Amino acid sequence: MSGEEKMRAKKDKATGKAKEAVGRAVGNESLTAKGRAEQTKGDARETKEKIKDTLKEK
């Protein structure tokens, strides 16, 4: 996994968790949903990079 993409994935996950927590704390469902979506984006980016790495090894 490229270092830059790995960092982007981790950043997306962390930002998403923060948004979700703040959204829950203030009762903002929209912010909570955006946080979950951002976490999912980070997970997808991480999975994509892992697949690319696996294919490169073969």
PDB file of N, CA and C in Angstrom:
ATOM      1  N   MET A   1       0.857  -1.164   0.000  1.00  0.00           N
ATOM      2  CA  MET A   1       0.000   0.000   0.000  1.00  0.00           C
ATOM      3  C   MET A   1       0.900   1.223   0.000  1.00  0.00           C
ATOM      4  N   SER A   2       0.625   2.142  -0.897  1.00  0.00           N
ATOM      5  CA  SER A   2       1.456   3.338  -0.952  1.00  0.00           C
ATOM      6  C   SER A   2       1.251   4.148   0.326  1.00  0.00           C
ATOM      7  N   GLY A   3       2.316   4.750   0.773  1.00  0.00           N
ATOM      8  CA  GLY A   3       2.262   5.501   2.017  1.00  0.00           C
ATOM      9  C   GLY A   3       1.255   6.626   1.998  1.00  0.00           C
ATOM     10  N   GLU A   4       1.178   7.314   0.870  1.00  0.00           N
ATOM     11  CA  GLU A   4       0.253   8.448   0.755  1.00  0.00           C
ATOM     12  C   GLU A   4      -1.202   7.989   0.842  1.00  0.00           C
ATOM     13  N   GLU A   5      -1.529   6.935   0.127  1.00  0.00           N
ATOM     14  CA  GLU A   5      -2.905   6.424   0.143  1.00  0.00           C
ATOM     15  C   GLU A   5      -3.255   5.857   1.514  1.00  0.00           C
ATOM     16  N   LYS A   6      -2.282   5.222   2.154  1.00  0.00           N
ATOM     17  CA  LYS A   6      -2.510   4.673   3.488  1.00  0.00           C
ATOM     18  C   LYS A   6      -2.847   5.794   4.464  1.00  0.00           C
ATOM     19  N   MET A   7      -2.114   6.886   4.376  1.00  0.00           N
ATOM     20  CA  MET A   7      -2.372   8.027   5.252  1.00  0.00           C
ATOM     21  C   MET A   7      -3.738   8.665   4.959  1.00  0.00           C
ATOM     22  N   ARG A   8      -4.089   8.740   3.683  1.00  0.00           N
ATOM     23  CA  ARG A   8      -5.403   9.293   3.323  1.00  0.00           C
ATOM     24  C   ARG A   8      -6.516   8.430   3.893  1.00  0.00           C
ATOM     25  N   ALA A   9      -6.348   7.111   3.811  1.00  0.00           N
ATOM     26  CA  ALA A   9      -7.364   6.201   4.334  1.00  0.00           C
ATOM     27  C   ALA A   9      -7.513   6.378   5.843  1.00  0.00           C
ATOM     28  N   LYS A  10      -6.400   6.457   6.543  1.00  0.00           N
ATOM     29  CA  LYS A  10      -6.442   6.639   7.994  1.00  0.00           C
ATOM     30  C   LYS A  10      -7.040   8.000   8.361  1.00  0.00           C
ATOM     31  N   LYS A  11      -6.716   9.026   7.575  1.00  0.00           N
ATOM     32  CA  LYS A  11      -7.259  10.363   7.820  1.00  0.00           C
ATOM     33  C   LYS A  11      -8.775  10.358   7.637  1.00  0.00           C
ATOM     34  N   ASP A  12      -9.241   9.721   6.572  1.00  0.00           N
ATOM     35  CA  ASP A  12     -10.679   9.643   6.327  1.00  0.00           C
ATOM     36  C   ASP A  12     -11.394   8.924   7.468  1.00  0.00           C
ATOM     37  N   LYS A  13     -10.806   7.836   7.929  1.00  0.00           N
ATOM     38  CA  LYS A  13     -11.418   7.084   9.022  1.00  0.00           C
ATOM     39  C   LYS A  13     -11.473   7.916  10.305  1.00  0.00           C
ATOM     40  N   ALA A  14     -10.359   8.568  10.633  1.00  0.00           N
ATOM     41  CA  ALA A  14     -10.305   9.371  11.865  1.00  0.00           C
ATOM     42  C   ALA A  14     -11.254  10.557  11.796  1.00  0.00           C
ATOM     43  N   THR A  15     -11.276  11.238  10.664  1.00  0.00           N
ATOM     44  CA  THR A  15     -12.172  12.381  10.497  1.00  0.00           C
ATOM     45  C   THR A  15     -13.624  11.933  10.585  1.00  0.00           C
ATOM     46  N   GLY A  16     -13.908  10.808   9.963  1.00  0.00           N
ATOM     47  CA  GLY A  16     -15.266  10.272  10.008  1.00  0.00           C
ATOM     48  C   GLY A  16     -15.706   9.927  11.414  1.00  0.00           C
ATOM     49  N   LYS A  17     -14.815   9.318  12.184  1.00  0.00           N
ATOM     50  CA  LYS A  17     -15.149   8.972  13.568  1.00  0.00           C
ATOM     51  C   LYS A  17     -15.413  10.227  14.389  1.00  0.00           C
ATOM     52  N   ALA A  18     -14.599  11.258  14.169  1.00  0.00           N
ATOM     53  CA  ALA A  18     -14.787  12.512  14.893  1.00  0.00           C
ATOM     54  C   ALA A  18     -16.124  13.160  14.529  1.00  0.00           C
ATOM     55  N   LYS A  19     -16.436  13.198  13.235  1.00  0.00           N
ATOM     56  CA  LYS A  19     -17.705  13.795  12.800  1.00  0.00           C
ATOM     57  C   LYS A  19     -18.888  13.020  13.369  1.00  0.00           C
ATOM     58  N   GLU A  20     -18.782  11.699  13.344  1.00  0.00           N
ATOM     59  CA  GLU A  20     -19.869  10.885  13.872  1.00  0.00           C
ATOM     60  C   GLU A  20     -20.068  11.147  15.367  1.00  0.00           C
ATOM     61  N   ALA A  21     -18.972  11.219  16.117  1.00  0.00           N
ATOM     62  CA  ALA A  21     -19.059  11.466  17.557  1.00  0.00           C
ATOM     63  C   ALA A  21     -19.667  12.833  17.859  1.00  0.00           C
ATOM     64  N   VAL A  22     -19.218  13.845  17.124  1.00  0.00           N
ATOM     65  CA  VAL A  22     -19.759  15.196  17.334  1.00  0.00           C
ATOM     66  C   VAL A  22     -21.245  15.225  16.953  1.00  0.00           C
ATOM     67  N   GLY A  23     -21.574  14.590  15.853  1.00  0.00           N
ATOM     68  CA  GLY A  23     -22.972  14.541  15.422  1.00  0.00           C
ATOM     69  C   GLY A  23     -23.871  13.899  16.461  1.00  0.00           C
ATOM     70  N   ARG A  24     -23.390  12.813  17.046  1.00  0.00           N
ATOM     71  CA  ARG A  24     -24.176  12.145  18.096  1.00  0.00           C
ATOM     72  C   ARG A  24     -24.284  13.023  19.336  1.00  0.00           C
ATOM     73  N   ALA A  25     -23.198  13.695  19.678  1.00  0.00           N
ATOM     74  CA  ALA A  25     -23.184  14.526  20.890  1.00  0.00           C
ATOM     75  C   ALA A  25     -24.164  15.683  20.796  1.00  0.00           C
ATOM     76  N   VAL A  26     -24.275  16.269  19.613  1.00  0.00           N
ATOM     77  CA  VAL A  26     -25.169  17.423  19.467  1.00  0.00           C
ATOM     78  C   VAL A  26     -26.520  17.048  18.878  1.00  0.00           C
ATOM     79  N   GLY A  27     -26.699  15.774  18.563  1.00  0.00           N
ATOM     80  CA  GLY A  27     -27.987  15.322  18.028  1.00  0.00           C
ATOM     81  C   GLY A  27     -28.188  15.666  16.559  1.00  0.00           C
ATOM     82  N   ASN A  28     -27.107  15.812  15.814  1.00  0.00           N
ATOM     83  CA  ASN A  28     -27.184  16.166  14.399  1.00  0.00           C
ATOM     84  C   ASN A  28     -27.035  14.890  13.562  1.00  0.00           C
ATOM     85  N   GLU A  29     -28.167  14.371  13.083  1.00  0.00           N
ATOM     86  CA  GLU A  29     -28.150  13.126  12.326  1.00  0.00           C
ATOM     87  C   GLU A  29     -27.399  13.257  11.002  1.00  0.00           C
ATOM     88  N   SER A  30     -27.461  14.422  10.395  1.00  0.00           N
ATOM     89  CA  SER A  30     -26.769  14.649   9.128  1.00  0.00           C
ATOM     90  C   SER A  30     -25.253  14.531   9.306  1.00  0.00           C
ATOM     91  N   LEU A  31     -24.737  15.141  10.358  1.00  0.00           N
ATOM     92  CA  LEU A  31     -23.302  15.080  10.627  1.00  0.00           C
ATOM     93  C   LEU A  31     -22.876  13.654  10.983  1.00  0.00           C
ATOM     94  N   THR A  32     -23.727  12.955  11.714  1.00  0.00           N
ATOM     95  CA  THR A  32     -23.446  11.561  12.060  1.00  0.00           C
ATOM     96  C   THR A  32     -23.354  10.718  10.790  1.00  0.00           C
ATOM     97  N   ALA A  33     -24.284  10.918   9.878  1.00  0.00           N
ATOM     98  CA  ALA A  33     -24.282  10.166   8.622  1.00  0.00           C
ATOM     99  C   ALA A  33     -23.061  10.506   7.773  1.00  0.00           C
ATOM    100  N   LYS A  34     -22.697  11.779   7.744  1.00  0.00           N
ATOM    101  CA  LYS A  34     -21.508  12.177   6.984  1.00  0.00           C
ATOM    102  C   LYS A  34     -20.251  11.526   7.575  1.00  0.00           C
ATOM    103  N   GLY A  35     -20.205  11.429   8.884  1.00  0.00           N
ATOM    104  CA  GLY A  35     -19.081  10.788   9.542  1.00  0.00           C
ATOM    105  C   GLY A  35     -18.985   9.314   9.183  1.00  0.00           C
ATOM    106  N   ARG A  36     -20.121   8.630   9.191  1.00  0.00           N
ATOM    107  CA  ARG A  36     -20.130   7.214   8.803  1.00  0.00           C
ATOM    108  C   ARG A  36     -19.705   7.045   7.355  1.00  0.00           C
ATOM    109  N   ALA A  37     -20.176   7.940   6.496  1.00  0.00           N
ATOM    110  CA  ALA A  37     -19.823   7.866   5.074  1.00  0.00           C
ATOM    111  C   ALA A  37     -18.322   8.065   4.883  1.00  0.00           C
ATOM    112  N   GLU A  38     -17.758   8.973   5.631  1.00  0.00           N
ATOM    113  CA  GLU A  38     -16.316   9.235   5.502  1.00  0.00           C
ATOM    114  C   GLU A  38     -15.498   8.036   5.998  1.00  0.00           C
ATOM    115  N   GLN A  39     -15.970   7.390   7.052  1.00  0.00           N
ATOM    116  CA  GLN A  39     -15.300   6.181   7.529  1.00  0.00           C
ATOM    117  C   GLN A  39     -15.358   5.082   6.468  1.00  0.00           C
ATOM    118  N   THR A  40     -16.499   4.945   5.835  1.00  0.00           N
ATOM    119  CA  THR A  40     -16.670   3.944   4.779  1.00  0.00           C
ATOM    120  C   THR A  40     -15.745   4.238   3.609  1.00  0.00           C
ATOM    121  N   LYS A  41     -15.603   5.514   3.288  1.00  0.00           N
ATOM    122  CA  LYS A  41     -14.692   5.912   2.215  1.00  0.00           C
ATOM    123  C   LYS A  41     -13.259   5.522   2.555  1.00  0.00           C
ATOM    124  N   GLY A  42     -12.859   5.731   3.789  1.00  0.00           N
ATOM    125  CA  GLY A  42     -11.526   5.341   4.227  1.00  0.00           C
ATOM    126  C   GLY A  42     -11.325   3.835   4.165  1.00  0.00           C
ATOM    127  N   ASP A  43     -12.342   3.088   4.590  1.00  0.00           N
ATOM    128  CA  ASP A  43     -12.274   1.628   4.517  1.00  0.00           C
ATOM    129  C   ASP A  43     -12.147   1.156   3.077  1.00  0.00           C
ATOM    130  N   ALA A  44     -12.909   1.762   2.187  1.00  0.00           N
ATOM    131  CA  ALA A  44     -12.868   1.375   0.777  1.00  0.00           C
ATOM    132  C   ALA A  44     -11.505   1.686   0.165  1.00  0.00           C
ATOM    133  N   ARG A  45     -10.961   2.834   0.490  1.00  0.00           N
ATOM    134  CA  ARG A  45      -9.639   3.217  -0.031  1.00  0.00           C
ATOM    135  C   ARG A  45      -8.579   2.230   0.470  1.00  0.00           C
ATOM    136  N   GLU A  46      -8.654   1.880   1.735  1.00  0.00           N
ATOM    137  CA  GLU A  46      -7.698   0.941   2.303  1.00  0.00           C
ATOM    138  C   GLU A  46      -7.811  -0.435   1.645  1.00  0.00           C
ATOM    139  N   THR A  47      -9.015  -0.903   1.446  1.00  0.00           N
ATOM    140  CA  THR A  47      -9.244  -2.188   0.793  1.00  0.00           C
ATOM    141  C   THR A  47      -8.725  -2.180  -0.634  1.00  0.00           C
ATOM    142  N   LYS A  48      -8.978  -1.099  -1.346  1.00  0.00           N
ATOM    143  CA  LYS A  48      -8.495  -0.973  -2.729  1.00  0.00           C
ATOM    144  C   LYS A  48      -6.980  -1.095  -2.791  1.00  0.00           C
ATOM    145  N   GLU A  49      -6.306  -0.413  -1.891  1.00  0.00           N
ATOM    146  CA  GLU A  49      -4.850  -0.450  -1.888  1.00  0.00           C
ATOM    147  C   GLU A  49      -4.322  -1.830  -1.512  1.00  0.00           C
ATOM    148  N   LYS A  50      -4.995  -2.505  -0.597  1.00  0.00           N
ATOM    149  CA  LYS A  50      -4.577  -3.858  -0.224  1.00  0.00           C
ATOM    150  C   LYS A  50      -4.726  -4.810  -1.403  1.00  0.00           C
ATOM    151  N   ILE A  51      -5.802  -4.668  -2.161  1.00  0.00           N
ATOM    152  CA  ILE A  51      -6.007  -5.503  -3.343  1.00  0.00           C
ATOM    153  C   ILE A  51      -4.926  -5.227  -4.374  1.00  0.00           C
ATOM    154  N   LYS A  52      -4.619  -3.947  -4.590  1.00  0.00           N
ATOM    155  CA  LYS A  52      -3.564  -3.594  -5.544  1.00  0.00           C
ATOM    156  C   LYS A  52      -2.229  -4.202  -5.128  1.00  0.00           C
ATOM    157  N   ASP A  53      -1.919  -4.145  -3.834  1.00  0.00           N
ATOM    158  CA  ASP A  53      -0.676  -4.725  -3.347  1.00  0.00           C
ATOM    159  C   ASP A  53      -0.640  -6.234  -3.559  1.00  0.00           C
ATOM    160  N   THR A  54      -1.762  -6.881  -3.306  1.00  0.00           N
ATOM    161  CA  THR A  54      -1.840  -8.333  -3.469  1.00  0.00           C
ATOM    162  C   THR A  54      -1.623  -8.721  -4.925  1.00  0.00           C
ATOM    163  N   LEU A  55      -2.218  -7.971  -5.832  1.00  0.00           N
ATOM    164  CA  LEU A  55      -2.079  -8.274  -7.257  1.00  0.00           C
ATOM    165  C   LEU A  55      -0.657  -8.014  -7.755  1.00  0.00           C
ATOM    166  N   LYS A  56       0.006  -7.024  -7.180  1.00  0.00           N
ATOM    167  CA  LYS A  56       1.388  -6.730  -7.578  1.00  0.00           C
ATOM    168  C   LYS A  56       2.342  -7.843  -7.150  1.00  0.00           C
ATOM    169  N   GLU A  57       2.043  -8.487  -6.035  1.00  0.00           N
ATOM    170  CA  GLU A  57       2.903  -9.549  -5.534  1.00  0.00           C
ATOM    171  C   GLU A  57       2.908 -10.787  -6.417  1.00  0.00           C
ATOM    172  N   LYS A  58       1.846 -10.992  -7.167  1.00  0.00           N
ATOM    173  CA  LYS A  58       1.736 -12.209  -7.982  1.00  0.00           C
ATOM    174  C   LYS A  58       2.417 -12.072  -9.280  1.00  0.00           C
TER     175      LYS A  58
END
